[in-house]
Amino acid sequence: MVHIASTRHALKQQRREERERQQEAPQLAQLAQGRRRRATKYIIATVISIVLVGIITFIFLSASSKAGPYDAFAQCLTEKHVVMYGAYWCPHCANQKKMFGSSFRYVIYVECDSKGKGAQPELCLRKGIDGYPTWEINGEMISGEVPLVDLARKSGCTLQHEAPAQTI
């Protein structure tokens, strides 16, 4: 009898486990489906983020690579080793930079204030820079804001205003 009882008990236990598995199956399926949905959402969000970063990078690179109004002039100044010494906080330096517009990126610029980005105060001291901006052209130091026409005359570079390309 013990043997039959244990067999009955084992059968009951098997049936109980089978019922539990059948009850758990839909719950497990729902959990798996929820995980798949979350994973899909993360993948979509990641793809969207990558696309947005790509678009922003493209726009930034396109904007920064557009020709400035005085690119050729500024490049000529650089070829002739014309240097502008200045300070990040100097309003006259800011005005001088505005004269060039986006073409200023081609001008050799030396930051004299030790707190400025890429500062070279030792060089400014060696050169005797005591006011900003100061231009070094053919070994001559010229202080103050210098009109582009005067920079062209003193450097021998041709000043041509290049009209930005029109976009349609």
Protein backbone atom coordinates (compact mmCIF):
# COMPACT_ATOMS: atom_id res chain seq x y z
CA MET A 1 0.00 0.00 0.00
CA VAL A 2 2.77 2.35 0.70
CA HIS A 3 4.00 1.77 -2.76
CA ILE A 4 0.61 2.56 -4.35
CA ALA A 5 0.19 5.63 -2.18
CA SER A 6 3.58 6.97 -3.14
CA THR A 7 2.77 6.34 -6.81
CA ARG A 8 -0.54 8.18 -6.42
CA HIS A 9 1.27 10.94 -4.63
CA ALA A 10 3.84 11.11 -7.43
CA LEU A 11 1.07 11.26 -10.04
CA LYS A 12 -0.72 14.01 -8.15
CA GLN A 13 2.55 15.87 -7.85
CA GLN A 14 3.15 15.51 -11.62
CA ARG A 15 -0.36 16.76 -12.41
CA ARG A 16 0.08 19.69 -10.04
CA GLU A 17 3.41 20.61 -11.67
CA GLU A 18 1.87 20.29 -15.14
CA ARG A 19 -1.01 22.62 -14.16
CA GLU A 20 1.49 25.11 -12.72
CA ARG A 21 3.55 24.97 -15.93
CA GLN A 22 0.41 25.54 -17.97
CA GLN A 23 -0.53 28.51 -15.78
CA GLU A 24 3.01 29.90 -15.93
CA ALA A 25 3.30 29.56 -19.71
CA PRO A 26 1.14 32.61 -20.54
CA GLN A 27 2.90 34.66 -17.87
CA LEU A 28 6.31 33.68 -19.25
CA ALA A 29 5.13 34.47 -22.76
CA GLN A 30 3.95 37.89 -21.59
CA LEU A 31 7.29 38.52 -19.88
CA ALA A 32 9.18 37.50 -23.00
CA GLN A 33 6.94 39.68 -25.16
CA GLY A 34 7.49 42.63 -22.80
CA ARG A 35 11.25 42.13 -22.97
CA ARG A 36 11.12 42.01 -26.77
CA ARG A 37 9.08 45.24 -26.83
CA ARG A 38 11.55 46.99 -24.50
CA ALA A 39 14.49 45.75 -26.56
CA THR A 40 12.80 46.99 -29.74
CA LYS A 41 12.18 50.39 -28.15
CA TYR A 42 15.84 50.63 -27.08
CA ILE A 43 17.01 49.67 -30.56
CA ILE A 44 14.72 52.24 -32.18
CA ALA A 45 15.84 54.93 -29.71
CA THR A 46 19.49 54.07 -30.37
CA VAL A 47 19.02 54.22 -34.15
CA ILE A 48 17.19 57.55 -33.88
CA SER A 49 19.96 58.93 -31.65
CA ILE A 50 22.65 57.83 -34.09
CA VAL A 51 20.77 59.38 -37.01
CA LEU A 52 20.30 62.65 -35.11
CA VAL A 53 23.98 62.80 -34.17
CA GLY A 54 24.84 62.17 -37.81
CA ILE A 55 22.53 64.94 -39.00
CA ILE A 56 23.85 67.42 -36.41
CA THR A 57 27.44 66.53 -37.30
CA PHE A 58 26.72 66.97 -41.00
CA ILE A 59 25.09 70.36 -40.40
CA PHE A 60 27.96 71.50 -38.18
CA LEU A 61 30.63 70.36 -40.65
CA SER A 62 28.74 71.90 -43.56
CA ALA A 63 28.41 75.23 -41.79
CA SER A 64 32.04 75.32 -40.67
CA SER A 65 33.38 74.32 -44.07
CA LYS A 66 31.57 77.05 -46.02
CA ALA A 67 33.86 79.57 -47.61
CA GLY A 68 34.29 82.80 -45.69
CA PRO A 69 34.31 86.22 -47.35
CA TYR A 70 38.09 86.66 -47.06
CA ASP A 71 39.44 83.09 -47.10
CA ALA A 72 42.04 83.71 -49.83
CA PHE A 73 43.22 86.92 -48.13
CA ALA A 74 43.49 85.28 -44.70
CA GLN A 75 45.34 82.31 -46.19
CA CYS A 76 47.76 84.68 -47.90
CA LEU A 77 48.42 86.41 -44.57
CA THR A 78 49.21 83.01 -43.06
CA GLU A 79 51.53 82.11 -45.95
CA LYS A 80 53.40 85.37 -45.35
CA HIS A 81 53.61 84.61 -41.60
CA VAL A 82 51.50 87.60 -40.58
CA VAL A 83 50.49 87.12 -36.94
CA MET A 84 47.81 88.73 -34.79
CA TYR A 85 48.52 88.86 -31.03
CA GLY A 86 45.52 89.41 -28.79
CA ALA A 87 43.55 88.48 -25.69
CA TYR A 88 40.25 86.66 -25.45
CA TRP A 89 38.68 89.47 -23.42
CA CYS A 90 39.84 92.30 -25.71
CA PRO A 91 36.95 94.09 -27.49
CA HIS A 92 39.31 95.48 -30.16
CA CYS A 93 40.50 91.94 -30.91
CA ALA A 94 36.88 90.87 -31.25
CA ASN A 95 36.26 93.74 -33.69
CA GLN A 96 39.35 92.76 -35.69
CA LYS A 97 38.15 89.15 -35.86
CA LYS A 98 34.68 90.31 -37.00
CA MET A 99 36.28 92.13 -39.94
CA PHE A 100 37.38 88.75 -41.27
CA GLY A 101 34.16 86.91 -40.44
CA SER A 102 34.51 83.15 -40.70
CA SER A 103 37.76 83.64 -42.65
CA PHE A 104 39.55 84.47 -39.40
CA ARG A 105 40.05 80.73 -38.89
CA TYR A 106 42.94 80.99 -41.39
CA VAL A 107 44.72 83.84 -39.60
CA ILE A 108 47.62 82.99 -37.30
CA TYR A 109 46.40 84.13 -33.90
CA VAL A 110 48.43 84.09 -30.68
CA GLU A 111 46.52 84.30 -27.39
CA CYS A 112 48.54 86.40 -24.94
CA ASP A 113 46.40 86.08 -21.80
CA SER A 114 47.41 83.04 -19.78
CA LYS A 115 43.74 82.28 -19.08
CA GLY A 116 42.83 82.11 -22.78
CA LYS A 117 42.57 78.99 -24.90
CA GLY A 118 45.96 77.93 -26.28
CA ALA A 119 47.67 80.79 -24.44
CA GLN A 120 51.28 81.68 -25.25
CA PRO A 121 52.07 84.54 -22.83
CA GLU A 122 55.83 83.85 -22.94
CA LEU A 123 55.89 84.42 -26.71
CA CYS A 124 53.96 87.67 -26.29
CA LEU A 125 56.46 88.85 -23.65
CA ARG A 126 59.43 87.95 -25.91
CA LYS A 127 57.82 89.87 -28.79
CA GLY A 128 57.20 92.90 -26.52
CA ILE A 129 53.43 92.88 -27.03
CA ASP A 130 51.96 95.56 -24.75
CA GLY A 131 48.59 96.24 -26.40
CA TYR A 132 45.92 94.29 -28.22
CA PRO A 133 45.53 93.57 -30.99
CA THR A 134 49.07 93.79 -32.30
CA TRP A 135 49.92 92.63 -35.80
CA GLU A 136 53.35 91.39 -36.79
CA ILE A 137 53.91 91.98 -40.51
CA ASN A 138 57.36 91.50 -42.04
CA GLY A 139 59.00 92.00 -38.63
CA GLU A 140 57.09 95.26 -38.00
CA MET A 141 54.69 95.49 -35.05
CA ILE A 142 51.45 97.42 -35.62
CA SER A 143 49.15 98.01 -32.64
CA GLY A 144 45.41 98.52 -32.67
CA GLU A 145 42.61 97.56 -35.00
CA VAL A 146 43.98 97.60 -38.54
CA PRO A 147 41.62 97.93 -41.50
CA LEU A 148 41.83 95.00 -43.90
CA VAL A 149 42.92 97.35 -46.69
CA ASP A 150 45.95 98.39 -44.62
CA LEU A 151 46.74 94.75 -43.79
CA ALA A 152 46.64 93.99 -47.51
CA ARG A 153 48.90 96.93 -48.38
CA LYS A 154 51.46 96.16 -45.65
CA SER A 155 51.52 92.39 -46.26
CA GLY A 156 51.38 92.41 -50.06
CA CYS A 157 48.31 90.18 -50.04
CA THR A 158 45.42 90.88 -52.39
CA LEU A 159 42.19 91.80 -50.66
CA GLN A 160 39.17 90.48 -52.51
CA HIS A 161 35.81 90.15 -50.88
CA GLU A 162 34.41 86.80 -51.88
CA ALA A 163 30.64 86.83 -51.86
CA PRO A 164 29.24 83.76 -50.12
CA ALA A 165 27.60 81.24 -52.41
CA GLN A 166 23.84 81.63 -52.67
CA THR A 167 21.80 78.61 -51.67
CA ILE A 168 18.43 77.95 -53.21
